[in-house]
Amino acid sequence: MKIFFASSTLGDAADQNGILLHLKKNHQVFHYLHDVTSPNEEYSYSDIIEEISKSDIFIGEMSRASQTLGFQLAYALHLSKPCLYLYGASEKGRPAGVIGDIPSRGMKIKRYNSKNYKKVLDDFIKFAEKQMFTTRTSFMSTKEIDHYLTSESHKLGMSKGELIRQILHNAIDN
């Protein structure tokens, strides 16, 4: 699997190195290390776009997120890449607002530490492998169906699309 891994020089270097080494064991990894103190001379905007486009998944160590890392995450989501937003043990890195409050079937937000990061990464990669084999469909529904989906999705805290997937999976299983 091709992984685009983004992190910042403000993050914990030991954690980032552990994450990077774990990912490189079984995957091809492009690591973009955002140095917040100086502009990136190594990769152009086009290079980054190309690397994200070529990747299968995006993983961002976002404990100290920046506009640059946020853009990269947004671009990967735009391309429907499975995305993992990692933040360290401190709650300061937990996303809020647009990223934290809007559910996305392609993005996972996970808190990690030096003891659980391997499991967090491995679980996400299993999730991503399943996501990569999904297809997109659309359909027209009645107002009655839309009202039901809206009501239930709010109660359950998920998107209408995710609710429809769960209903269909339950129907398959029965």
Protein backbone atom coordinates (compact mmCIF):
# COMPACT_ATOMS: atom_id res chain seq x y z
CA MET A 1 0.00 0.00 0.00
CA LYS A 2 1.20 3.51 -0.78
CA ILE A 3 0.93 5.85 2.20
CA PHE A 4 1.29 9.62 2.32
CA PHE A 5 2.43 10.42 5.88
CA ALA A 6 2.42 14.07 6.90
CA SER A 7 3.82 15.48 10.12
CA SER A 8 5.28 18.66 11.55
CA THR A 9 8.61 19.58 13.11
CA LEU A 10 6.63 20.81 16.12
CA GLY A 11 5.40 17.28 16.86
CA ASP A 12 7.10 14.66 19.02
CA ALA A 13 10.02 13.41 16.89
CA ALA A 14 10.24 10.06 18.72
CA ASP A 15 6.55 9.34 18.09
CA GLN A 16 6.81 10.40 14.45
CA ASN A 17 9.86 8.20 13.91
CA GLY A 18 8.09 5.25 15.54
CA ILE A 19 5.05 5.77 13.32
CA LEU A 20 7.22 6.11 10.22
CA LEU A 21 9.27 2.98 10.99
CA HIS A 22 6.13 0.96 11.71
CA LEU A 23 4.51 2.03 8.43
CA LYS A 24 7.67 1.35 6.40
CA LYS A 25 7.79 -2.28 7.57
CA ASN A 26 5.04 -3.30 5.16
CA HIS A 27 4.24 -0.28 3.01
CA GLN A 28 5.69 2.26 0.62
CA VAL A 29 5.68 5.56 2.51
CA PHE A 30 6.15 9.12 1.31
CA HIS A 31 6.87 11.27 4.38
CA TYR A 32 6.23 14.99 4.20
CA LEU A 33 7.79 16.67 7.21
CA HIS A 34 6.48 20.22 7.45
CA ASP A 35 9.10 22.53 8.90
CA VAL A 36 7.14 25.40 10.36
CA THR A 37 10.21 27.63 10.58
CA SER A 38 11.03 27.77 6.89
CA PRO A 39 9.39 27.29 3.50
CA ASN A 40 9.75 23.87 1.94
CA GLU A 41 12.46 23.98 -0.70
CA GLU A 42 12.43 20.24 -1.37
CA TYR A 43 8.89 19.75 -2.72
CA SER A 44 6.77 22.06 -4.83
CA TYR A 45 3.02 22.36 -4.46
CA SER A 46 2.65 20.20 -7.59
CA ASP A 47 4.95 17.53 -6.12
CA ILE A 48 2.81 17.27 -2.98
CA ILE A 49 -0.43 17.10 -5.00
CA GLU A 50 1.08 14.35 -7.15
CA GLU A 51 2.27 12.35 -4.12
CA ILE A 52 -1.14 12.57 -2.42
CA SER A 53 -2.82 11.57 -5.70
CA LYS A 54 -0.54 8.54 -6.09
CA SER A 55 -1.09 7.38 -2.51
CA ASP A 56 -3.72 4.89 -1.41
CA ILE A 57 -4.19 6.48 2.02
CA PHE A 58 -3.28 9.63 3.95
CA ILE A 59 -2.04 9.59 7.54
CA GLY A 60 -1.37 12.86 9.30
CA GLU A 61 0.28 13.27 12.67
CA MET A 62 -1.67 16.41 13.43
CA SER A 63 -0.90 17.08 17.10
CA ARG A 64 0.56 20.37 15.94
CA ALA A 65 -1.44 20.85 12.78
CA SER A 66 -0.83 23.69 10.37
CA GLN A 67 -2.56 25.14 7.34
CA THR A 68 -0.18 23.12 5.18
CA LEU A 69 -1.09 19.80 6.81
CA GLY A 70 -4.76 20.80 6.86
CA PHE A 71 -4.67 21.48 3.14
CA GLN A 72 -3.04 18.12 2.49
CA LEU A 73 -5.71 16.35 4.56
CA ALA A 74 -8.49 18.25 2.77
CA TYR A 75 -7.03 17.36 -0.62
CA ALA A 76 -6.78 13.67 0.28
CA LEU A 77 -10.41 13.71 1.50
CA HIS A 78 -11.42 15.47 -1.73
CA LEU A 79 -9.88 12.53 -3.62
CA SER A 80 -11.85 10.09 -1.39
CA LYS A 81 -8.67 8.66 0.11
CA PRO A 82 -9.06 6.97 3.48
CA CYS A 83 -7.53 9.42 5.98
CA LEU A 84 -6.27 9.07 9.53
CA TYR A 85 -5.99 12.19 11.67
CA LEU A 86 -3.64 11.29 14.53
CA TYR A 87 -3.15 13.46 17.57
CA GLY A 88 -0.97 12.81 20.59
CA ALA A 89 -2.02 12.15 24.14
CA SER A 90 -2.65 15.84 24.77
CA GLU A 91 -6.23 16.93 24.12
CA LYS A 92 -4.82 20.11 22.55
CA GLY A 93 -4.37 18.25 19.28
CA ARG A 94 -7.99 17.05 19.10
CA PRO A 95 -9.68 18.64 16.11
CA ALA A 96 -12.77 20.75 16.53
CA GLY A 97 -14.95 22.74 14.21
CA VAL A 98 -15.18 21.63 10.61
CA ILE A 99 -12.86 18.62 10.92
CA GLY A 100 -13.95 17.37 14.33
CA ASP A 101 -17.69 17.89 14.05
CA ILE A 102 -18.52 16.60 10.58
CA PRO A 103 -18.59 12.82 10.21
CA SER A 104 -16.79 11.43 7.22
CA ARG A 105 -16.84 7.76 6.30
CA GLY A 106 -13.34 8.08 4.90
CA MET A 107 -11.67 9.77 7.85
CA LYS A 108 -10.83 8.45 11.28
CA ILE A 109 -9.69 10.69 14.12
CA LYS A 110 -7.61 8.85 16.68
CA ARG A 111 -5.75 9.80 19.82
CA TYR A 112 -2.53 7.84 20.25
CA ASN A 113 0.46 7.43 22.54
CA SER A 114 3.76 5.56 22.45
CA LYS A 115 2.06 2.38 23.71
CA ASN A 116 -0.92 2.13 21.34
CA TYR A 117 0.19 3.77 18.08
CA LYS A 118 0.95 0.45 16.32
CA LYS A 119 -2.56 -0.85 17.01
CA VAL A 120 -4.11 2.46 15.94
CA LEU A 121 -2.18 2.35 12.66
CA ASP A 122 -2.88 -1.33 11.98
CA ASP A 123 -6.60 -0.92 12.71
CA PHE A 124 -6.77 2.05 10.35
CA ILE A 125 -4.96 0.19 7.57
CA LYS A 126 -7.49 -2.67 7.86
CA PHE A 127 -10.30 -0.09 7.67
CA ALA A 128 -8.63 1.61 4.69
CA GLU A 129 -8.26 -1.65 2.79
CA LYS A 130 -12.01 -2.20 3.07
CA GLN A 131 -12.75 1.43 2.12
CA MET A 132 -10.60 1.20 -1.00
CA PHE A 133 -12.88 -1.50 -2.38
CA THR A 134 -16.10 0.44 -1.91
CA THR A 135 -18.11 1.97 -4.71
CA ARG A 136 -20.19 5.08 -4.80
CA THR A 137 -23.84 5.12 -5.75
CA SER A 138 -26.68 7.61 -5.56
CA PHE A 139 -30.43 7.31 -5.61
CA MET A 140 -33.52 9.46 -5.47
CA SER A 141 -35.72 9.01 -2.41
CA THR A 142 -39.10 10.20 -1.27
CA LYS A 143 -39.60 12.94 1.31
CA GLU A 144 -40.79 10.27 3.73
CA ILE A 145 -37.56 8.27 3.33
CA ASP A 146 -35.46 11.42 3.61
CA HIS A 147 -37.29 12.49 6.78
CA TYR A 148 -36.68 9.05 8.32
CA LEU A 149 -32.99 9.05 7.35
CA THR A 150 -32.49 12.59 8.65
CA SER A 151 -34.18 11.81 11.96
CA GLU A 152 -32.34 8.51 12.53
CA SER A 153 -28.95 9.83 11.46
CA HIS A 154 -29.24 12.70 13.97
CA LYS A 155 -30.23 10.28 16.74
CA LEU A 156 -27.31 7.97 15.98
CA GLY A 157 -24.76 10.71 15.24
CA MET A 158 -23.84 9.52 11.77
CA SER A 159 -24.35 10.59 8.21
CA LYS A 160 -27.37 9.49 6.19
CA GLY A 161 -25.06 7.61 3.85
CA GLU A 162 -23.56 5.64 6.74
CA LEU A 163 -27.05 4.88 8.06
CA ILE A 164 -28.10 3.57 4.64
CA ARG A 165 -24.97 1.36 4.51
CA GLN A 166 -25.77 -0.06 7.94
CA ILE A 167 -29.41 -0.73 7.01
CA LEU A 168 -28.33 -2.52 3.83
CA HIS A 169 -25.65 -4.55 5.62
CA ASN A 170 -28.25 -5.61 8.21
CA ALA A 171 -30.58 -6.66 5.40
CA ILE A 172 -27.81 -8.72 3.79
CA ASP A 173 -26.99 -10.43 7.08
CA ASN A 174 -30.64 -11.39 7.71
